[in-house]
Amino acid sequence: MVRWNFKHPVTFNIDCKVCGRHRQITCDLDDVESWKNGAFVKDCLNYLHSDQVELLVTGTCSDCLNDTLTNDH
């Protein structure tokens, strides 16, 4: 696991809205505030894995998202 030295660390405890699996995502509060104020998530939280970003943005884990996309075709 990579450890970042955040100035203002914040940890989000998120349960996937589809399967309910629990995840924790830690990032810097200043970066989250930038995103919430209109900056692109890929610019302010670029150190997060795409699966973590998806969970933050949609509340859906990558496994459930992949299942949904696969079953829609």
N, C-alpha and C. Protein backbone atom coordinates (compact mmCIF):
# COMPACT_ATOMS: atom_id res chain seq x y z
N MET A 1 0.84 -1.17 0.00
CA MET A 1 0.00 0.00 0.00
C MET A 1 0.89 1.25 0.00
N VAL A 2 0.55 2.19 -0.84
CA VAL A 2 1.30 3.44 -0.92
C VAL A 2 0.82 4.37 0.19
N ARG A 3 1.76 5.00 0.86
CA ARG A 3 1.43 5.98 1.90
C ARG A 3 1.79 7.36 1.38
N TRP A 4 0.82 8.25 1.41
CA TRP A 4 1.04 9.62 0.98
C TRP A 4 1.17 10.50 2.22
N ASN A 5 1.91 11.54 2.10
CA ASN A 5 2.04 12.51 3.18
C ASN A 5 1.13 13.69 2.89
N PHE A 6 -0.13 13.55 3.24
CA PHE A 6 -1.11 14.59 2.98
C PHE A 6 -1.04 15.66 4.05
N LYS A 7 -1.24 16.89 3.63
CA LYS A 7 -1.27 18.00 4.56
C LYS A 7 -2.50 17.91 5.46
N HIS A 8 -3.65 17.59 4.86
CA HIS A 8 -4.92 17.44 5.59
C HIS A 8 -5.59 16.13 5.17
N PRO A 9 -5.12 15.00 5.69
CA PRO A 9 -5.69 13.72 5.26
C PRO A 9 -7.13 13.56 5.71
N VAL A 10 -7.91 12.97 4.83
CA VAL A 10 -9.29 12.63 5.14
C VAL A 10 -9.54 11.23 4.58
N THR A 11 -10.23 10.41 5.37
CA THR A 11 -10.54 9.05 4.94
C THR A 11 -12.05 8.91 4.77
N PHE A 12 -12.45 8.46 3.59
CA PHE A 12 -13.85 8.21 3.31
C PHE A 12 -14.12 6.72 3.48
N ASN A 13 -15.15 6.41 4.23
CA ASN A 13 -15.62 5.03 4.39
C ASN A 13 -16.83 4.89 3.49
N ILE A 14 -16.68 4.10 2.43
CA ILE A 14 -17.72 4.02 1.40
C ILE A 14 -18.15 2.57 1.23
N ASP A 15 -19.45 2.36 1.24
CA ASP A 15 -20.02 1.06 0.91
C ASP A 15 -20.57 1.13 -0.50
N CYS A 16 -20.19 0.18 -1.34
CA CYS A 16 -20.70 0.14 -2.71
C CYS A 16 -22.22 0.09 -2.66
N LYS A 17 -22.87 0.94 -3.45
CA LYS A 17 -24.33 0.99 -3.43
C LYS A 17 -24.97 -0.22 -4.10
N VAL A 18 -24.16 -1.04 -4.78
CA VAL A 18 -24.70 -2.24 -5.42
C VAL A 18 -24.48 -3.48 -4.56
N CYS A 19 -23.23 -3.75 -4.18
CA CYS A 19 -22.93 -4.98 -3.44
C CYS A 19 -22.75 -4.77 -1.94
N GLY A 20 -22.55 -3.52 -1.53
CA GLY A 20 -22.38 -3.22 -0.12
C GLY A 20 -20.99 -3.42 0.42
N ARG A 21 -20.04 -3.83 -0.43
CA ARG A 21 -18.67 -4.06 0.05
C ARG A 21 -18.08 -2.73 0.54
N HIS A 22 -17.41 -2.79 1.67
CA HIS A 22 -16.85 -1.60 2.31
C HIS A 22 -15.45 -1.32 1.80
N ARG A 23 -15.18 -0.05 1.53
CA ARG A 23 -13.86 0.39 1.11
C ARG A 23 -13.50 1.67 1.86
N GLN A 24 -12.21 1.90 2.03
CA GLN A 24 -11.71 3.15 2.60
C GLN A 24 -10.82 3.82 1.56
N ILE A 25 -11.02 5.11 1.40
CA ILE A 25 -10.20 5.88 0.47
C ILE A 25 -9.67 7.09 1.23
N THR A 26 -8.35 7.23 1.26
CA THR A 26 -7.73 8.36 1.93
C THR A 26 -7.14 9.30 0.89
N CYS A 27 -7.41 10.56 1.07
CA CYS A 27 -6.88 11.58 0.17
C CYS A 27 -6.74 12.88 0.94
N ASP A 28 -6.30 13.93 0.26
CA ASP A 28 -6.10 15.21 0.92
C ASP A 28 -7.38 16.05 0.85
N LEU A 29 -7.77 16.62 1.96
CA LEU A 29 -9.00 17.41 2.03
C LEU A 29 -8.98 18.58 1.05
N ASP A 30 -7.84 19.23 0.88
CA ASP A 30 -7.76 20.34 -0.07
C ASP A 30 -8.07 19.88 -1.49
N ASP A 31 -7.63 18.68 -1.85
CA ASP A 31 -7.90 18.14 -3.18
C ASP A 31 -9.39 17.82 -3.35
N VAL A 32 -10.00 17.29 -2.31
CA VAL A 32 -11.43 16.98 -2.36
C VAL A 32 -12.24 18.27 -2.50
N GLU A 33 -11.85 19.28 -1.76
CA GLU A 33 -12.55 20.56 -1.85
C GLU A 33 -12.41 21.17 -3.24
N SER A 34 -11.24 21.04 -3.84
CA SER A 34 -11.05 21.54 -5.21
C SER A 34 -11.99 20.83 -6.17
N TRP A 35 -12.08 19.50 -6.03
CA TRP A 35 -12.99 18.72 -6.88
C TRP A 35 -14.44 19.15 -6.66
N LYS A 36 -14.84 19.26 -5.41
CA LYS A 36 -16.22 19.63 -5.10
C LYS A 36 -16.55 21.05 -5.58
N ASN A 37 -15.52 21.89 -5.73
CA ASN A 37 -15.72 23.26 -6.20
C ASN A 37 -15.61 23.39 -7.71
N GLY A 38 -15.56 22.25 -8.42
CA GLY A 38 -15.64 22.30 -9.88
C GLY A 38 -14.43 21.84 -10.66
N ALA A 39 -13.32 21.58 -9.99
CA ALA A 39 -12.14 21.09 -10.72
C ALA A 39 -12.39 19.65 -11.16
N PHE A 40 -11.72 19.24 -12.22
CA PHE A 40 -11.84 17.86 -12.69
C PHE A 40 -11.21 16.91 -11.68
N VAL A 41 -11.92 15.83 -11.38
CA VAL A 41 -11.42 14.87 -10.40
C VAL A 41 -10.07 14.31 -10.83
N LYS A 42 -9.87 14.11 -12.12
CA LYS A 42 -8.60 13.56 -12.61
C LYS A 42 -7.43 14.51 -12.39
N ASP A 43 -7.74 15.81 -12.24
CA ASP A 43 -6.69 16.79 -12.00
C ASP A 43 -6.34 16.91 -10.52
N CYS A 44 -7.35 16.90 -9.66
CA CYS A 44 -7.06 17.12 -8.23
C CYS A 44 -6.81 15.84 -7.44
N LEU A 45 -7.31 14.71 -7.90
CA LEU A 45 -7.10 13.45 -7.19
C LEU A 45 -6.36 12.45 -8.08
N ASN A 46 -5.39 12.95 -8.82
CA ASN A 46 -4.69 12.12 -9.80
C ASN A 46 -3.84 11.02 -9.17
N TYR A 47 -3.64 11.05 -7.89
CA TYR A 47 -2.87 10.02 -7.20
C TYR A 47 -3.72 8.81 -6.82
N LEU A 48 -5.05 8.93 -6.97
CA LEU A 48 -5.94 7.80 -6.67
C LEU A 48 -6.02 6.88 -7.89
N HIS A 49 -6.25 5.61 -7.62
CA HIS A 49 -6.47 4.63 -8.69
C HIS A 49 -7.85 4.89 -9.29
N SER A 50 -8.01 4.57 -10.55
CA SER A 50 -9.29 4.82 -11.23
C SER A 50 -10.46 4.13 -10.52
N ASP A 51 -10.22 2.98 -9.91
CA ASP A 51 -11.28 2.29 -9.15
C ASP A 51 -11.73 3.12 -7.95
N GLN A 52 -10.77 3.76 -7.30
CA GLN A 52 -11.10 4.60 -6.14
C GLN A 52 -11.88 5.84 -6.57
N VAL A 53 -11.48 6.44 -7.68
CA VAL A 53 -12.19 7.60 -8.20
C VAL A 53 -13.62 7.23 -8.55
N GLU A 54 -13.81 6.10 -9.21
CA GLU A 54 -15.15 5.65 -9.59
C GLU A 54 -16.03 5.49 -8.36
N LEU A 55 -15.48 4.90 -7.32
CA LEU A 55 -16.23 4.71 -6.09
C LEU A 55 -16.60 6.04 -5.45
N LEU A 56 -15.68 6.98 -5.44
CA LEU A 56 -15.98 8.31 -4.90
C LEU A 56 -17.07 9.02 -5.70
N VAL A 57 -16.96 8.95 -7.02
CA VAL A 57 -17.86 9.70 -7.89
C VAL A 57 -19.25 9.07 -7.97
N THR A 58 -19.30 7.74 -8.15
CA THR A 58 -20.59 7.08 -8.40
C THR A 58 -21.11 6.26 -7.24
N GLY A 59 -20.22 5.91 -6.28
CA GLY A 59 -20.64 5.05 -5.19
C GLY A 59 -20.70 3.58 -5.59
N THR A 60 -20.10 3.26 -6.73
CA THR A 60 -20.11 1.89 -7.25
C THR A 60 -18.69 1.38 -7.36
N CYS A 61 -18.43 0.18 -6.81
CA CYS A 61 -17.09 -0.38 -6.90
C CYS A 61 -16.81 -0.88 -8.32
N SER A 62 -15.55 -1.08 -8.62
CA SER A 62 -15.16 -1.47 -9.98
C SER A 62 -15.74 -2.83 -10.38
N ASP A 63 -15.83 -3.77 -9.44
CA ASP A 63 -16.40 -5.08 -9.77
C ASP A 63 -17.85 -4.95 -10.22
N CYS A 64 -18.62 -4.18 -9.48
CA CYS A 64 -20.04 -4.01 -9.83
C CYS A 64 -20.20 -3.20 -11.11
N LEU A 65 -19.36 -2.20 -11.30
CA LEU A 65 -19.41 -1.42 -12.52
C LEU A 65 -19.10 -2.29 -13.72
N ASN A 66 -18.07 -3.11 -13.62
CA ASN A 66 -17.72 -4.02 -14.72
C ASN A 66 -18.84 -5.02 -15.00
N ASP A 67 -19.46 -5.55 -13.94
CA ASP A 67 -20.60 -6.45 -14.11
C ASP A 67 -21.75 -5.77 -14.84
N THR A 68 -22.02 -4.52 -14.45
CA THR A 68 -23.11 -3.76 -15.07
C THR A 68 -22.81 -3.51 -16.54
N LEU A 69 -21.60 -3.10 -16.85
CA LEU A 69 -21.24 -2.82 -18.24
C LEU A 69 -21.25 -4.08 -19.09
N THR A 70 -20.79 -5.20 -18.52
CA THR A 70 -20.78 -6.47 -19.23
C THR A 70 -22.19 -6.97 -19.49
N ASN A 71 -23.07 -6.84 -18.52
CA ASN A 71 -24.44 -7.33 -18.67
C ASN A 71 -25.32 -6.44 -19.53
N ASP A 72 -24.91 -5.20 -19.76
CA ASP A 72 -25.71 -4.30 -20.59
C ASP A 72 -25.54 -4.59 -22.09
N HIS A 73 -24.54 -5.38 -22.44
CA HIS A 73 -24.29 -5.62 -23.88
C HIS A 73 -24.82 -6.93 -24.31
